[in-house]
Each structure stands twice: as structure tokens, then as C-alpha cells.
Amino acid sequence: MRSPGISLEELRAHQPSLGERAAPCGARVKMKHVKVEPSAAGTHRHQRVESSILEELRSILRDDISDPELEGVELTAIVLSPDGKLARVHFAVPRGRPRTAVERAFSRATGFMRGLLADGVELKRTPELRFVYEAEITL
């Protein structure tokens, strides 16, 4: 709220612009934006979340998925985005099995797996799952 004796132009002239802050003495100081690297504790937590998601997805694939095209498929790694909204799940396919058939089976099961993941791992938000082909394995 402004006082009746100050015009709008005078008020704008005394307010700092975007990127500037008013110093205590009234002088304007240009702020420098510095990218902050995650702390060691933050990356450790991130790694723990990744490993718990991977273990839960392996359990879901082993115990709850009955699609024959996903039999023998191994989940090898997971890469969780820094904000936790996306998880890239790497998988290996048994030798001789068509990769495209396994990718289609994962796309059909993604919603089901994400729902079970939300029940199994307590997170603020359950990440979107993207499955990435990694290698062929021999059984």
C-alpha cells in the first residue's frame, strides 16, 4: 500500500529491479547467481533412493508380473533424475529374444509397475518409468 503523497513513478524509482537487492544503507547491489552443487549427504540419499527403487522393481518383475515376454529379463541399473520425477531403468534381454517385444511388454506393464512401486517405496512422488535396453545376456 502506498501513501497518498508518493506517485507511482517515484515508488518504482526506489524499488530494486530484478537481480538487484537493496543494501541496508540504501545502495543497490547486483546479485551474482551461483550454481550450488549437491552436498555429499544429498547425493548419498539420491543413491539410496535409486537402489531402493531398483530393488523394488526387481521384486515386482519377479513376483507380480506374469507377462511371458518379460521372463528372464534382468533390471541392471537405474538412473533417477535429480528432481526424482523420471527414472530410466536399464534392462538386459536373454539372448535370442527380440528386443522390441520386451520393450512393448514393458510399455504395457509400466503403469502397473509404477503403481506397485508407489505402494512399496515411500516417496514424495513416484517417478515416471522409462525402460532402456542395455544388453543381451546368456541364460
C-alpha atoms as a PDB file:
ATOM      1  CA  MET A   1       0.000   0.000   0.000  1.00  0.00           C
ATOM      2  CA  ARG A   2       1.422   3.386  -0.884  1.00  0.00           C
ATOM      3  CA  SER A   3       0.954   6.674   0.850  1.00  0.00           C
ATOM      4  CA  PRO A   4      -1.125   9.359  -0.912  1.00  0.00           C
ATOM      5  CA  GLY A   5       1.845  11.755  -1.228  1.00  0.00           C
ATOM      6  CA  ILE A   6       4.049   9.453  -3.423  1.00  0.00           C
ATOM      7  CA  SER A   7       3.370   8.929  -7.112  1.00  0.00           C
ATOM      8  CA  LEU A   8       3.651   5.544  -8.776  1.00  0.00           C
ATOM      9  CA  GLU A   9       6.740   6.671 -10.742  1.00  0.00           C
ATOM     10  CA  GLU A  10       8.524   7.713  -7.533  1.00  0.00           C
ATOM     11  CA  LEU A  11       7.677   4.378  -5.928  1.00  0.00           C
ATOM     12  CA  ARG A  12       9.082   2.432  -8.920  1.00  0.00           C
ATOM     13  CA  ALA A  13      12.243   4.543  -8.911  1.00  0.00           C
ATOM     14  CA  HIS A  14      13.009   3.496  -5.322  1.00  0.00           C
ATOM     15  CA  GLN A  15      12.340  -0.254  -5.786  1.00  0.00           C
ATOM     16  CA  PRO A  16      15.209  -2.522  -6.832  1.00  0.00           C
ATOM     17  CA  SER A  17      14.899  -4.149 -10.230  1.00  0.00           C
ATOM     18  CA  LEU A  18      15.072  -7.910 -10.870  1.00  0.00           C
ATOM     19  CA  GLY A  19      18.520  -9.215  -9.940  1.00  0.00           C
ATOM     20  CA  GLU A  20      19.276  -6.277  -7.646  1.00  0.00           C
ATOM     21  CA  ARG A  21      18.853  -6.079  -3.910  1.00  0.00           C
ATOM     22  CA  ALA A  22      18.688  -3.037  -1.711  1.00  0.00           C
ATOM     23  CA  ALA A  23      21.611  -2.947   0.685  1.00  0.00           C
ATOM     24  CA  PRO A  24      20.946  -1.786   4.266  1.00  0.00           C
ATOM     25  CA  CYS A  25      22.418   1.637   3.503  1.00  0.00           C
ATOM     26  CA  GLY A  26      20.094   2.099   0.511  1.00  0.00           C
ATOM     27  CA  ALA A  27      22.712   1.401  -2.180  1.00  0.00           C
ATOM     28  CA  ARG A  28      21.856  -1.142  -4.859  1.00  0.00           C
ATOM     29  CA  VAL A  29      23.925  -4.288  -5.096  1.00  0.00           C
ATOM     30  CA  LYS A  30      23.927  -6.543  -8.172  1.00  0.00           C
ATOM     31  CA  MET A  31      23.418 -10.192  -7.127  1.00  0.00           C
ATOM     32  CA  LYS A  32      25.509 -12.902  -8.739  1.00  0.00           C
ATOM     33  CA  HIS A  33      23.788 -16.250  -9.281  1.00  0.00           C
ATOM     34  CA  VAL A  34      25.944 -19.180  -8.279  1.00  0.00           C
ATOM     35  CA  LYS A  35      25.053 -22.777  -9.079  1.00  0.00           C
ATOM     36  CA  VAL A  36      25.159 -24.808  -5.883  1.00  0.00           C
ATOM     37  CA  GLU A  37      26.476 -28.360  -6.162  1.00  0.00           C
ATOM     38  CA  PRO A  38      24.577 -31.016  -4.210  1.00  0.00           C
ATOM     39  CA  SER A  39      26.050 -31.860  -0.863  1.00  0.00           C
ATOM     40  CA  ALA A  40      27.568 -35.236  -0.128  1.00  0.00           C
ATOM     41  CA  ALA A  41      24.537 -36.087   2.012  1.00  0.00           C
ATOM     42  CA  GLY A  42      22.204 -35.202  -0.880  1.00  0.00           C
ATOM     43  CA  THR A  43      23.970 -37.485  -3.350  1.00  0.00           C
ATOM     44  CA  HIS A  44      24.119 -40.271  -0.764  1.00  0.00           C
ATOM     45  CA  ARG A  45      20.358 -40.039  -0.273  1.00  0.00           C
ATOM     46  CA  HIS A  46      19.874 -39.996  -4.038  1.00  0.00           C
ATOM     47  CA  GLN A  47      21.896 -43.214  -4.352  1.00  0.00           C
ATOM     48  CA  ARG A  48      19.896 -44.871  -1.565  1.00  0.00           C
ATOM     49  CA  VAL A  49      16.611 -43.921  -3.272  1.00  0.00           C
ATOM     50  CA  GLU A  50      17.903 -45.285  -6.592  1.00  0.00           C
ATOM     51  CA  SER A  51      18.916 -48.594  -5.023  1.00  0.00           C
ATOM     52  CA  SER A  52      15.619 -48.993  -3.138  1.00  0.00           C
ATOM     53  CA  ILE A  53      13.648 -48.276  -6.339  1.00  0.00           C
ATOM     54  CA  LEU A  54      15.763 -50.792  -8.279  1.00  0.00           C
ATOM     55  CA  GLU A  55      15.306 -53.497  -5.637  1.00  0.00           C
ATOM     56  CA  GLU A  56      11.551 -52.895  -5.510  1.00  0.00           C
ATOM     57  CA  LEU A  57      11.251 -53.008  -9.317  1.00  0.00           C
ATOM     58  CA  ARG A  58      13.247 -56.257  -9.399  1.00  0.00           C
ATOM     59  CA  SER A  59      10.887 -57.697  -6.812  1.00  0.00           C
ATOM     60  CA  ILE A  60       7.831 -56.549  -8.794  1.00  0.00           C
ATOM     61  CA  LEU A  61       9.217 -58.029 -12.008  1.00  0.00           C
ATOM     62  CA  ARG A  62       9.987 -61.330 -10.271  1.00  0.00           C
ATOM     63  CA  ASP A  63       6.812 -61.702  -8.171  1.00  0.00           C
ATOM     64  CA  ASP A  64       3.964 -59.695  -9.707  1.00  0.00           C
ATOM     65  CA  ILE A  65       4.453 -59.548 -13.494  1.00  0.00           C
ATOM     66  CA  SER A  66       3.188 -62.587 -15.368  1.00  0.00           C
ATOM     67  CA  ASP A  67       3.917 -61.481 -18.941  1.00  0.00           C
ATOM     68  CA  PRO A  68       5.849 -64.317 -20.660  1.00  0.00           C
ATOM     69  CA  GLU A  69       7.819 -61.810 -22.757  1.00  0.00           C
ATOM     70  CA  LEU A  70       9.375 -60.417 -19.564  1.00  0.00           C
ATOM     71  CA  GLU A  71      10.561 -63.803 -18.248  1.00  0.00           C
ATOM     72  CA  GLY A  72      14.321 -63.879 -17.861  1.00  0.00           C
ATOM     73  CA  VAL A  73      14.688 -60.113 -18.302  1.00  0.00           C
ATOM     74  CA  GLU A  74      17.025 -58.553 -15.742  1.00  0.00           C
ATOM     75  CA  LEU A  75      16.909 -54.996 -14.471  1.00  0.00           C
ATOM     76  CA  THR A  76      20.549 -53.947 -14.362  1.00  0.00           C
ATOM     77  CA  ALA A  77      20.610 -50.294 -13.272  1.00  0.00           C
ATOM     78  CA  ILE A  78      18.512 -47.228 -12.629  1.00  0.00           C
ATOM     79  CA  VAL A  79      19.246 -43.540 -13.165  1.00  0.00           C
ATOM     80  CA  LEU A  80      16.962 -41.237 -11.214  1.00  0.00           C
ATOM     81  CA  SER A  81      16.701 -37.619 -12.328  1.00  0.00           C
ATOM     82  CA  PRO A  82      17.826 -35.021  -9.752  1.00  0.00           C
ATOM     83  CA  ASP A  83      14.238 -33.910  -9.127  1.00  0.00           C
ATOM     84  CA  GLY A  84      13.017 -37.509  -8.803  1.00  0.00           C
ATOM     85  CA  LYS A  85      10.351 -37.220 -11.493  1.00  0.00           C
ATOM     86  CA  LEU A  86      11.920 -39.600 -14.010  1.00  0.00           C
ATOM     87  CA  ALA A  87      13.656 -42.940 -13.598  1.00  0.00           C
ATOM     88  CA  ARG A  88      15.487 -44.567 -16.507  1.00  0.00           C
ATOM     89  CA  VAL A  89      15.519 -48.296 -15.825  1.00  0.00           C
ATOM     90  CA  HIS A  90      18.171 -50.252 -17.755  1.00  0.00           C
ATOM     91  CA  PHE A  91      17.419 -53.860 -18.634  1.00  0.00           C
ATOM     92  CA  ALA A  92      19.144 -56.845 -20.214  1.00  0.00           C
ATOM     93  CA  VAL A  93      17.354 -59.281 -22.518  1.00  0.00           C
ATOM     94  CA  PRO A  94      18.021 -63.047 -22.766  1.00  0.00           C
ATOM     95  CA  ARG A  95      19.945 -63.985 -25.915  1.00  0.00           C
ATOM     96  CA  GLY A  96      17.638 -64.791 -28.825  1.00  0.00           C
ATOM     97  CA  ARG A  97      14.646 -62.835 -27.534  1.00  0.00           C
ATOM     98  CA  PRO A  98      13.558 -59.904 -29.713  1.00  0.00           C
ATOM     99  CA  ARG A  99      14.311 -56.603 -28.015  1.00  0.00           C
ATOM    100  CA  THR A 100      11.224 -54.874 -29.455  1.00  0.00           C
ATOM    101  CA  ALA A 101       8.890 -57.471 -27.930  1.00  0.00           C
ATOM    102  CA  VAL A 102      10.399 -56.856 -24.488  1.00  0.00           C
ATOM    103  CA  GLU A 103      10.133 -53.075 -24.931  1.00  0.00           C
ATOM    104  CA  ARG A 104       6.448 -53.434 -25.867  1.00  0.00           C
ATOM    105  CA  ALA A 105       5.851 -55.635 -22.816  1.00  0.00           C
ATOM    106  CA  PHE A 106       7.492 -53.034 -20.563  1.00  0.00           C
ATOM    107  CA  SER A 107       5.362 -50.273 -22.095  1.00  0.00           C
ATOM    108  CA  ARG A 108       2.226 -52.319 -21.305  1.00  0.00           C
ATOM    109  CA  ALA A 109       3.350 -53.013 -17.732  1.00  0.00           C
ATOM    110  CA  THR A 110       4.723 -49.549 -16.885  1.00  0.00           C
ATOM    111  CA  GLY A 111       1.562 -48.206 -15.223  1.00  0.00           C
ATOM    112  CA  PHE A 112       1.060 -51.366 -13.181  1.00  0.00           C
ATOM    113  CA  MET A 113       4.699 -51.386 -12.077  1.00  0.00           C
ATOM    114  CA  ARG A 114       4.600 -47.710 -11.158  1.00  0.00           C
ATOM    115  CA  GLY A 115       1.501 -48.277  -9.011  1.00  0.00           C
ATOM    116  CA  LEU A 116       3.141 -51.163  -7.147  1.00  0.00           C
ATOM    117  CA  LEU A 117       6.307 -49.087  -6.784  1.00  0.00           C
ATOM    118  CA  ALA A 118       4.277 -46.315  -5.142  1.00  0.00           C
ATOM    119  CA  ASP A 119       2.935 -48.855  -2.632  1.00  0.00           C
ATOM    120  CA  GLY A 120       6.331 -50.450  -1.984  1.00  0.00           C
ATOM    121  CA  VAL A 121       8.640 -47.440  -1.678  1.00  0.00           C
ATOM    122  CA  GLU A 122       7.612 -44.410   0.339  1.00  0.00           C
ATOM    123  CA  LEU A 123       8.472 -41.363  -1.762  1.00  0.00           C
ATOM    124  CA  LYS A 124       7.047 -37.879  -2.099  1.00  0.00           C
ATOM    125  CA  ARG A 125       6.365 -38.564  -5.768  1.00  0.00           C
ATOM    126  CA  THR A 126       6.652 -41.793  -7.709  1.00  0.00           C
ATOM    127  CA  PRO A 127       8.908 -41.317 -10.720  1.00  0.00           C
ATOM    128  CA  GLU A 128       7.792 -41.900 -14.272  1.00  0.00           C
ATOM    129  CA  LEU A 129       9.449 -45.086 -15.519  1.00  0.00           C
ATOM    130  CA  ARG A 130      11.337 -45.280 -18.815  1.00  0.00           C
ATOM    131  CA  PHE A 131      12.890 -48.582 -19.791  1.00  0.00           C
ATOM    132  CA  VAL A 132      16.206 -48.501 -21.651  1.00  0.00           C
ATOM    133  CA  TYR A 133      17.737 -51.508 -23.429  1.00  0.00           C
ATOM    134  CA  GLU A 134      21.258 -52.222 -22.223  1.00  0.00           C
ATOM    135  CA  ALA A 135      22.494 -55.644 -23.339  1.00  0.00           C
ATOM    136  CA  GLU A 136      21.824 -59.267 -24.219  1.00  0.00           C
ATOM    137  CA  ILE A 137      22.575 -61.913 -21.622  1.00  0.00           C
ATOM    138  CA  THR A 138      23.028 -65.660 -21.841  1.00  0.00           C
ATOM    139  CA  LEU A 139      20.938 -67.862 -19.593  1.00  0.00           C
END
